[in-house]
Amino acid sequence: MRMQRLYSLITPCVMFILLISSGHQGYVVLKQYKKVSDKLSEADPVSDSDREKVQDFALFQPAVSQPAAQRTVQAPINAEVEGIIRSDEAWMSFAVIKTPSGQQSYREGESLTGYPDTWVEEINRDNVVINYQGSPQTLAIKRPDYFKGDINSAPMPAPQVEPGLNNLHLNDYLVLKPRFDNGHLEGYQIKPRNASAFFSHSGLKKGDVVVKVNTVDMTKEEQAKIIIASWSKMREAEVVVKRHAHLENIRVNVLNN
């Protein structure tokens, strides 16, 4: 009985002591919290510039659209193809091209007059590919206006000849090939293209070398190019051939021979 009374007195004392201890601990914690809070409030706030610096070091940033670089469009070259002589041998092919600097014949690989870093890249049957400062441009051969459908530019009527002869030209019967001696152009060797009798009937013989066509000196390369360029369109010509150290005047005509 006495022990129960003792326990009933001790228990309230212990609880009172624990309550005081807990209140003291809470007071200490609250005091520490207030002290730290006061220090943080006195510190300078983060400026906008500091925030931008922090963002610069972020791992992922939103993509910033960059203005697309403008592509330089190469203007068309100011040139026209007046004529093309196409051969299976590239060195024999050339094109007559007209530029603001004048009209001139070119072979593949030759630079175009008046245009820096520009050359003839390829010669085809009906066009020429020009490498214009690293950009390829295709120039089609210039055709007469009546081929373009211009009714006001119709060609003059051709004389009445035997059907089928309108499509024949000297190039259909005769082939001209350059003849060189120690690097010097002696003229153009003339040969039959096919087995027809045109070559012999015209008065030409094997081994003849053409030195002049219609007063054009065929031993001058630049002048000869003009005849070669128009040979496939000619139906007749006055030619001078060198035969065994002698010169012979011969008139060739697809309509009469």
C-alpha atoms as a PDB file:
ATOM      1  CA  MET A   1       0.000   0.000   0.000  1.00  0.00           C
ATOM      2  CA  ARG A   2       2.840   2.303   0.874  1.00  0.00           C
ATOM      3  CA  MET A   3       4.619   1.449  -2.432  1.00  0.00           C
ATOM      4  CA  GLN A   4       1.586   2.411  -4.484  1.00  0.00           C
ATOM      5  CA  ARG A   5       1.467   5.819  -2.823  1.00  0.00           C
ATOM      6  CA  LEU A   6       5.151   6.260  -3.487  1.00  0.00           C
ATOM      7  CA  TYR A   7       4.716   5.468  -7.195  1.00  0.00           C
ATOM      8  CA  SER A   8       1.773   7.814  -7.434  1.00  0.00           C
ATOM      9  CA  LEU A   9       3.979  10.650  -6.173  1.00  0.00           C
ATOM     10  CA  ILE A  10       7.050   9.831  -8.288  1.00  0.00           C
ATOM     11  CA  THR A  11       5.210   9.554 -11.603  1.00  0.00           C
ATOM     12  CA  PRO A  12       3.943  13.176 -11.704  1.00  0.00           C
ATOM     13  CA  CYS A  13       7.383  14.426 -10.722  1.00  0.00           C
ATOM     14  CA  VAL A  14       9.069  12.552 -13.571  1.00  0.00           C
ATOM     15  CA  MET A  15       6.538  13.803 -16.110  1.00  0.00           C
ATOM     16  CA  PHE A  16       6.976  17.370 -14.850  1.00  0.00           C
ATOM     17  CA  ILE A  17      10.759  17.090 -15.259  1.00  0.00           C
ATOM     18  CA  LEU A  18      10.394  15.705 -18.827  1.00  0.00           C
ATOM     19  CA  LEU A  19       8.008  18.514 -19.728  1.00  0.00           C
ATOM     20  CA  ILE A  20      10.468  21.156 -18.533  1.00  0.00           C
ATOM     21  CA  SER A  21      13.325  19.471 -20.428  1.00  0.00           C
ATOM     22  CA  SER A  22      11.311  19.286 -23.663  1.00  0.00           C
ATOM     23  CA  GLY A  23      10.328  22.920 -23.391  1.00  0.00           C
ATOM     24  CA  HIS A  24      13.942  23.916 -22.896  1.00  0.00           C
ATOM     25  CA  GLN A  25      15.046  21.927 -25.995  1.00  0.00           C
ATOM     26  CA  GLY A  26      12.293  23.534 -28.071  1.00  0.00           C
ATOM     27  CA  TYR A  27      13.373  26.979 -26.934  1.00  0.00           C
ATOM     28  CA  VAL A  28      16.994  26.282 -27.936  1.00  0.00           C
ATOM     29  CA  VAL A  29      15.960  25.042 -31.407  1.00  0.00           C
ATOM     30  CA  LEU A  30      13.685  28.016 -31.992  1.00  0.00           C
ATOM     31  CA  LYS A  31      16.456  30.400 -30.989  1.00  0.00           C
ATOM     32  CA  GLN A  32      18.937  28.791 -33.393  1.00  0.00           C
ATOM     33  CA  TYR A  33      16.407  28.881 -36.240  1.00  0.00           C
ATOM     34  CA  LYS A  34      15.739  32.565 -35.653  1.00  0.00           C
ATOM     35  CA  LYS A  35      19.443  33.348 -35.665  1.00  0.00           C
ATOM     36  CA  VAL A  36      20.009  31.610 -39.051  1.00  0.00           C
ATOM     37  CA  SER A  37      16.903  33.226 -40.506  1.00  0.00           C
ATOM     38  CA  ASP A  38      18.121  36.690 -39.548  1.00  0.00           C
ATOM     39  CA  LYS A  39      21.467  36.076 -41.264  1.00  0.00           C
ATOM     40  CA  LEU A  40      19.783  34.956 -44.494  1.00  0.00           C
ATOM     41  CA  SER A  41      17.483  37.973 -44.579  1.00  0.00           C
ATOM     42  CA  GLU A  42      20.493  40.313 -44.191  1.00  0.00           C
ATOM     43  CA  ALA A  43      22.309  38.709 -47.153  1.00  0.00           C
ATOM     44  CA  ASP A  44      22.090  40.483 -50.648  1.00  0.00           C
ATOM     45  CA  PRO A  45      19.466  39.012 -52.972  1.00  0.00           C
ATOM     46  CA  VAL A  46      20.687  37.343 -56.175  1.00  0.00           C
ATOM     47  CA  SER A  47      20.834  39.896 -58.984  1.00  0.00           C
ATOM     48  CA  ASP A  48      19.440  39.297 -62.491  1.00  0.00           C
ATOM     49  CA  SER A  49      22.943  39.264 -63.945  1.00  0.00           C
ATOM     50  CA  ASP A  50      23.935  36.525 -61.488  1.00  0.00           C
ATOM     51  CA  ARG A  51      20.907  34.498 -62.532  1.00  0.00           C
ATOM     52  CA  GLU A  52      21.940  34.838 -66.194  1.00  0.00           C
ATOM     53  CA  LYS A  53      25.456  33.662 -65.300  1.00  0.00           C
ATOM     54  CA  VAL A  54      24.003  30.682 -63.523  1.00  0.00           C
ATOM     55  CA  GLN A  55      21.880  29.876 -66.557  1.00  0.00           C
ATOM     56  CA  ASP A  56      24.968  30.000 -68.781  1.00  0.00           C
ATOM     57  CA  PHE A  57      26.342  26.997 -66.938  1.00  0.00           C
ATOM     58  CA  ALA A  58      23.116  25.012 -67.088  1.00  0.00           C
ATOM     59  CA  LEU A  59      23.414  21.621 -68.737  1.00  0.00           C
ATOM     60  CA  PHE A  60      20.464  22.085 -71.094  1.00  0.00           C
ATOM     61  CA  GLN A  61      19.551  25.423 -72.625  1.00  0.00           C
ATOM     62  CA  PRO A  62      16.622  26.209 -74.924  1.00  0.00           C
ATOM     63  CA  ALA A  63      17.616  26.215 -78.577  1.00  0.00           C
ATOM     64  CA  VAL A  64      18.263  29.644 -80.038  1.00  0.00           C
ATOM     65  CA  SER A  65      17.238  30.035 -83.658  1.00  0.00           C
ATOM     66  CA  GLN A  66      20.109  31.218 -85.810  1.00  0.00           C
ATOM     67  CA  PRO A  67      19.441  33.118 -89.032  1.00  0.00           C
ATOM     68  CA  ALA A  68      20.032  30.827 -91.982  1.00  0.00           C
ATOM     69  CA  ALA A  69      23.016  31.810 -94.081  1.00  0.00           C
ATOM     70  CA  GLN A  70      21.921  33.192 -97.405  1.00  0.00           C
ATOM     71  CA  ARG A  71      23.059  31.065-100.344  1.00  0.00           C
ATOM     72  CA  THR A  72      24.822  32.918-103.085  1.00  0.00           C
ATOM     73  CA  VAL A  73      23.010  32.273-106.363  1.00  0.00           C
ATOM     74  CA  GLN A  74      25.373  32.354-109.345  1.00  0.00           C
ATOM     75  CA  ALA A  75      24.011  34.603-112.092  1.00  0.00           C
ATOM     76  CA  PRO A  76      23.789  33.014-115.568  1.00  0.00           C
ATOM     77  CA  ILE A  77      26.894  33.560-117.632  1.00  0.00           C
ATOM     78  CA  ASN A  78      26.525  36.000-120.516  1.00  0.00           C
ATOM     79  CA  ALA A  79      27.582  33.747-123.385  1.00  0.00           C
ATOM     80  CA  GLU A  80      26.068  32.058-126.446  1.00  0.00           C
ATOM     81  CA  VAL A  81      27.147  28.960-128.363  1.00  0.00           C
ATOM     82  CA  GLU A  82      27.260  29.845-132.052  1.00  0.00           C
ATOM     83  CA  GLY A  83      28.455  26.474-133.328  1.00  0.00           C
ATOM     84  CA  ILE A  84      29.757  23.054-132.253  1.00  0.00           C
ATOM     85  CA  ILE A  85      32.075  20.594-133.980  1.00  0.00           C
ATOM     86  CA  ARG A  86      31.866  17.292-132.113  1.00  0.00           C
ATOM     87  CA  SER A  87      34.378  14.494-132.587  1.00  0.00           C
ATOM     88  CA  ASP A  88      34.967  11.157-130.884  1.00  0.00           C
ATOM     89  CA  GLU A  89      38.424  12.484-130.081  1.00  0.00           C
ATOM     90  CA  ALA A  90      38.057  15.186-127.432  1.00  0.00           C
ATOM     91  CA  TRP A  91      41.013  17.261-128.680  1.00  0.00           C
ATOM     92  CA  MET A  92      39.324  17.632-132.082  1.00  0.00           C
ATOM     93  CA  SER A  93      36.015  18.872-130.624  1.00  0.00           C
ATOM     94  CA  PHE A  94      35.541  22.599-130.240  1.00  0.00           C
ATOM     95  CA  ALA A  95      32.746  25.117-129.815  1.00  0.00           C
ATOM     96  CA  VAL A  96      32.385  28.652-131.116  1.00  0.00           C
ATOM     97  CA  ILE A  97      31.232  30.776-128.140  1.00  0.00           C
ATOM     98  CA  LYS A  98      30.243  34.426-128.188  1.00  0.00           C
ATOM     99  CA  THR A  99      30.882  36.520-125.037  1.00  0.00           C
ATOM    100  CA  PRO A 100      31.040  40.276-124.377  1.00  0.00           C
ATOM    101  CA  SER A 101      34.770  39.951-125.153  1.00  0.00           C
ATOM    102  CA  GLY A 102      34.024  38.662-128.654  1.00  0.00           C
ATOM    103  CA  GLN A 103      33.513  35.398-130.535  1.00  0.00           C
ATOM    104  CA  GLN A 104      36.135  32.688-130.202  1.00  0.00           C
ATOM    105  CA  SER A 105      36.492  28.931-130.558  1.00  0.00           C
ATOM    106  CA  TYR A 106      37.302  26.816-127.494  1.00  0.00           C
ATOM    107  CA  ARG A 107      38.320  23.250-126.782  1.00  0.00           C
ATOM    108  CA  GLU A 108      37.564  21.344-123.591  1.00  0.00           C
ATOM    109  CA  GLY A 109      39.652  22.670-120.709  1.00  0.00           C
ATOM    110  CA  GLU A 110      40.301  26.097-122.247  1.00  0.00           C
ATOM    111  CA  SER A 111      39.530  29.206-120.179  1.00  0.00           C
ATOM    112  CA  LEU A 112      36.669  31.449-121.263  1.00  0.00           C
ATOM    113  CA  THR A 113      37.889  34.915-122.230  1.00  0.00           C
ATOM    114  CA  GLY A 114      36.639  37.691-119.967  1.00  0.00           C
ATOM    115  CA  TYR A 115      35.612  35.445-117.059  1.00  0.00           C
ATOM    116  CA  PRO A 116      38.059  34.570-114.255  1.00  0.00           C
ATOM    117  CA  ASP A 117      38.145  30.982-113.009  1.00  0.00           C
ATOM    118  CA  THR A 118      35.859  29.864-115.853  1.00  0.00           C
ATOM    119  CA  TRP A 119      36.554  27.184-118.459  1.00  0.00           C
ATOM    120  CA  VAL A 120      34.918  24.827-120.965  1.00  0.00           C
ATOM    121  CA  GLU A 121      34.237  21.619-119.077  1.00  0.00           C
ATOM    122  CA  GLU A 122      32.419  19.531-121.685  1.00  0.00           C
ATOM    123  CA  ILE A 123      31.433  19.820-125.364  1.00  0.00           C
ATOM    124  CA  ASN A 124      28.345  17.852-126.417  1.00  0.00           C
ATOM    125  CA  ARG A 125      26.456  17.629-129.704  1.00  0.00           C
ATOM    126  CA  ASP A 126      23.923  20.333-128.873  1.00  0.00           C
ATOM    127  CA  ASN A 127      25.279  22.078-125.760  1.00  0.00           C
ATOM    128  CA  VAL A 128      28.406  23.124-123.910  1.00  0.00           C
ATOM    129  CA  VAL A 129      28.966  22.771-120.168  1.00  0.00           C
ATOM    130  CA  ILE A 130      30.820  25.752-118.668  1.00  0.00           C
ATOM    131  CA  ASN A 131      32.413  25.594-115.209  1.00  0.00           C
ATOM    132  CA  TYR A 132      31.648  29.138-114.063  1.00  0.00           C
ATOM    133  CA  GLN A 133      33.631  29.784-110.871  1.00  0.00           C
ATOM    134  CA  GLY A 134      32.875  26.315-109.513  1.00  0.00           C
ATOM    135  CA  SER A 135      29.255  26.240-110.702  1.00  0.00           C
ATOM    136  CA  PRO A 136      28.447  24.225-113.863  1.00  0.00           C
ATOM    137  CA  GLN A 137      26.208  25.960-116.406  1.00  0.00           C
ATOM    138  CA  THR A 138      24.890  24.397-119.609  1.00  0.00           C
ATOM    139  CA  LEU A 139      24.738  26.555-122.746  1.00  0.00           C
ATOM    140  CA  ALA A 140      22.558  25.216-125.562  1.00  0.00           C
ATOM    141  CA  ILE A 141      23.627  25.858-129.126  1.00  0.00           C
ATOM    142  CA  LYS A 142      22.044  28.968-130.577  1.00  0.00           C
ATOM    143  CA  ARG A 143      19.425  28.144-133.187  1.00  0.00           C
ATOM    144  CA  PRO A 144      17.859  30.405-135.836  1.00  0.00           C
ATOM    145  CA  ASP A 145      14.674  32.182-134.842  1.00  0.00           C
ATOM    146  CA  TYR A 146      12.550  30.125-137.197  1.00  0.00           C
ATOM    147  CA  PHE A 147      13.454  27.018-135.196  1.00  0.00           C
ATOM    148  CA  LYS A 148      11.947  28.705-132.128  1.00  0.00           C
ATOM    149  CA  GLY A 149       8.526  29.157-133.723  1.00  0.00           C
ATOM    150  CA  ASP A 150       8.872  32.806-134.755  1.00  0.00           C
ATOM    151  CA  ILE A 151       6.579  33.063-137.783  1.00  0.00           C
ATOM    152  CA  ASN A 152       7.978  36.500-138.638  1.00  0.00           C
ATOM    153  CA  SER A 153      11.497  35.121-139.074  1.00  0.00           C
ATOM    154  CA  ALA A 154      10.886  32.324-141.562  1.00  0.00           C
ATOM    155  CA  PRO A 155      13.921  31.389-143.677  1.00  0.00           C
ATOM    156  CA  MET A 156      14.046  32.212-147.365  1.00  0.00           C
ATOM    157  CA  PRO A 157      12.631  29.426-149.519  1.00  0.00           C
ATOM    158  CA  ALA A 158      15.274  27.045-150.808  1.00  0.00           C
ATOM    159  CA  PRO A 159      15.646  26.522-154.541  1.00  0.00           C
ATOM    160  CA  GLN A 160      13.789  23.559-155.974  1.00  0.00           C
ATOM    161  CA  VAL A 161      16.166  20.616-156.163  1.00  0.00           C
ATOM    162  CA  GLU A 162      15.839  16.887-156.404  1.00  0.00           C
ATOM    163  CA  PRO A 163      13.979  15.431-153.384  1.00  0.00           C
ATOM    164  CA  GLY A 164      16.383  14.286-150.704  1.00  0.00           C
ATOM    165  CA  LEU A 165      19.265  16.578-151.694  1.00  0.00           C
ATOM    166  CA  ASN A 166      18.139  19.297-149.295  1.00  0.00           C
ATOM    167  CA  ASN A 167      19.478  17.213-146.418  1.00  0.00           C
ATOM    168  CA  LEU A 168      22.892  16.576-148.009  1.00  0.00           C
ATOM    169  CA  HIS A 169      25.991  18.585-147.160  1.00  0.00           C
ATOM    170  CA  LEU A 170      29.718  18.305-147.765  1.00  0.00           C
ATOM    171  CA  ASN A 171      30.151  16.656-144.382  1.00  0.00           C
ATOM    172  CA  ASP A 172      28.011  13.723-145.611  1.00  0.00           C
ATOM    173  CA  TYR A 173      30.639  12.847-148.258  1.00  0.00           C
ATOM    174  CA  LEU A 174      33.935  14.415-147.217  1.00  0.00           C
ATOM    175  CA  VAL A 175      35.878  14.330-143.942  1.00  0.00           C
ATOM    176  CA  LEU A 176      38.522  16.892-142.997  1.00  0.00           C
ATOM    177  CA  LYS A 177      41.266  15.923-140.577  1.00  0.00           C
ATOM    178  CA  PRO A 178      44.158  18.195-139.536  1.00  0.00           C
ATOM    179  CA  ARG A 179      47.598  17.318-140.882  1.00  0.00           C
ATOM    180  CA  PHE A 180      50.623  18.419-138.878  1.00  0.00           C
ATOM    181  CA  ASP A 181      54.328  18.396-139.702  1.00  0.00           C
ATOM    182  CA  ASN A 182      56.659  19.001-136.747  1.00  0.00           C
ATOM    183  CA  GLY A 183      53.829  20.699-134.864  1.00  0.00           C
ATOM    184  CA  HIS A 184      52.956  22.986-137.784  1.00  0.00           C
ATOM    185  CA  LEU A 185      49.517  22.768-139.396  1.00  0.00           C
ATOM    186  CA  GLU A 186      50.015  21.961-143.091  1.00  0.00           C
ATOM    187  CA  GLY A 187      46.313  21.873-143.858  1.00  0.00           C
ATOM    188  CA  TYR A 188      43.469  19.374-143.650  1.00  0.00           C
ATOM    189  CA  GLN A 189      43.617  15.955-145.235  1.00  0.00           C
ATOM    190  CA  ILE A 190      40.397  15.310-147.143  1.00  0.00           C
ATOM    191  CA  LYS A 191      38.991  11.773-147.228  1.00  0.00           C
ATOM    192  CA  PRO A 192      35.768  10.104-148.384  1.00  0.00           C
ATOM    193  CA  ARG A 193      33.236   9.451-145.630  1.00  0.00           C
ATOM    194  CA  ASN A 194      31.619   6.470-147.362  1.00  0.00           C
ATOM    195  CA  ALA A 195      32.009   4.207-150.362  1.00  0.00           C
ATOM    196  CA  SER A 196      30.074   6.471-152.744  1.00  0.00           C
ATOM    197  CA  ALA A 197      31.655   7.722-155.968  1.00  0.00           C
ATOM    198  CA  PHE A 198      31.336  11.364-154.901  1.00  0.00           C
ATOM    199  CA  PHE A 199      34.994  11.631-153.848  1.00  0.00           C
ATOM    200  CA  SER A 200      36.441  10.499-157.195  1.00  0.00           C
ATOM    201  CA  HIS A 201      33.794  12.253-159.311  1.00  0.00           C
ATOM    202  CA  SER A 202      34.609  15.585-157.647  1.00  0.00           C
ATOM    203  CA  GLY A 203      38.213  15.360-158.878  1.00  0.00           C
ATOM    204  CA  LEU A 204      39.749  14.631-155.479  1.00  0.00           C
ATOM    205  CA  LYS A 205      42.446  11.999-155.021  1.00  0.00           C
ATOM    206  CA  LYS A 206      43.851  10.033-152.125  1.00  0.00           C
ATOM    207  CA  GLY A 207      46.482  12.034-150.239  1.00  0.00           C
ATOM    208  CA  ASP A 208      45.112  15.478-151.152  1.00  0.00           C
ATOM    209  CA  VAL A 209      45.609  18.087-148.439  1.00  0.00           C
ATOM    210  CA  VAL A 210      43.260  21.077-148.386  1.00  0.00           C
ATOM    211  CA  VAL A 211      45.181  24.340-147.902  1.00  0.00           C
ATOM    212  CA  LYS A 212      42.378  26.773-148.757  1.00  0.00           C
ATOM    213  CA  VAL A 213      38.560  26.779-148.730  1.00  0.00           C
ATOM    214  CA  ASN A 214      36.698  29.749-150.205  1.00  0.00           C
ATOM    215  CA  THR A 215      39.758  32.024-149.777  1.00  0.00           C
ATOM    216  CA  VAL A 216      40.176  30.911-146.133  1.00  0.00           C
ATOM    217  CA  ASP A 217      43.731  29.800-145.329  1.00  0.00           C
ATOM    218  CA  MET A 218      43.428  26.310-143.826  1.00  0.00           C
ATOM    219  CA  THR A 219      47.043  26.375-142.601  1.00  0.00           C
ATOM    220  CA  LYS A 220      46.040  29.002-140.029  1.00  0.00           C
ATOM    221  CA  GLU A 221      44.366  27.225-137.143  1.00  0.00           C
ATOM    222  CA  GLU A 222      42.099  30.089-136.048  1.00  0.00           C
ATOM    223  CA  GLN A 223      40.879  30.723-139.607  1.00  0.00           C
ATOM    224  CA  ALA A 224      40.427  27.020-140.319  1.00  0.00           C
ATOM    225  CA  LYS A 225      38.129  26.661-137.317  1.00  0.00           C
ATOM    226  CA  ILE A 226      35.561  28.865-139.048  1.00  0.00           C
ATOM    227  CA  ILE A 227      35.375  26.494-142.033  1.00  0.00           C
ATOM    228  CA  ILE A 228      35.347  23.393-139.839  1.00  0.00           C
ATOM    229  CA  ALA A 229      32.467  24.852-137.826  1.00  0.00           C
ATOM    230  CA  SER A 230      30.373  25.401-140.972  1.00  0.00           C
ATOM    231  CA  TRP A 231      31.500  22.348-143.001  1.00  0.00           C
ATOM    232  CA  SER A 232      28.438  20.322-141.958  1.00  0.00           C
ATOM    233  CA  LYS A 233      26.155  23.095-143.333  1.00  0.00           C
ATOM    234  CA  MET A 234      27.897  23.727-146.667  1.00  0.00           C
ATOM    235  CA  ARG A 235      26.692  22.215-149.949  1.00  0.00           C
ATOM    236  CA  GLU A 236      29.496  23.564-152.140  1.00  0.00           C
ATOM    237  CA  ALA A 237      32.961  25.056-151.792  1.00  0.00           C
ATOM    238  CA  GLU A 238      35.985  26.151-153.778  1.00  0.00           C
ATOM    239  CA  VAL A 239      38.934  24.195-152.410  1.00  0.00           C
ATOM    240  CA  VAL A 240      42.630  24.332-153.120  1.00  0.00           C
ATOM    241  CA  VAL A 241      44.441  21.056-152.478  1.00  0.00           C
ATOM    242  CA  LYS A 242      48.122  20.300-152.268  1.00  0.00           C
ATOM    243  CA  ARG A 243      48.934  17.239-154.394  1.00  0.00           C
ATOM    244  CA  HIS A 244      52.523  16.052-154.818  1.00  0.00           C
ATOM    245  CA  ALA A 245      53.939  19.575-154.259  1.00  0.00           C
ATOM    246  CA  HIS A 246      51.400  21.037-156.725  1.00  0.00           C
ATOM    247  CA  LEU A 247      48.242  23.022-156.037  1.00  0.00           C
ATOM    248  CA  GLU A 248      44.943  22.032-157.628  1.00  0.00           C
ATOM    249  CA  ASN A 249      41.739  24.086-157.692  1.00  0.00           C
ATOM    250  CA  ILE A 250      38.622  21.939-157.293  1.00  0.00           C
ATOM    251  CA  ARG A 251      34.982  22.880-156.894  1.00  0.00           C
ATOM    252  CA  VAL A 252      32.943  20.416-154.822  1.00  0.00           C
ATOM    253  CA  ASN A 253      29.157  20.539-154.914  1.00  0.00           C
ATOM    254  CA  VAL A 254      26.743  17.953-153.509  1.00  0.00           C
ATOM    255  CA  LEU A 255      24.155  18.921-156.155  1.00  0.00           C
ATOM    256  CA  ASN A 256      26.354  18.439-159.228  1.00  0.00           C
ATOM    257  CA  ASN A 257      28.872  15.730-158.334  1.00  0.00           C
END
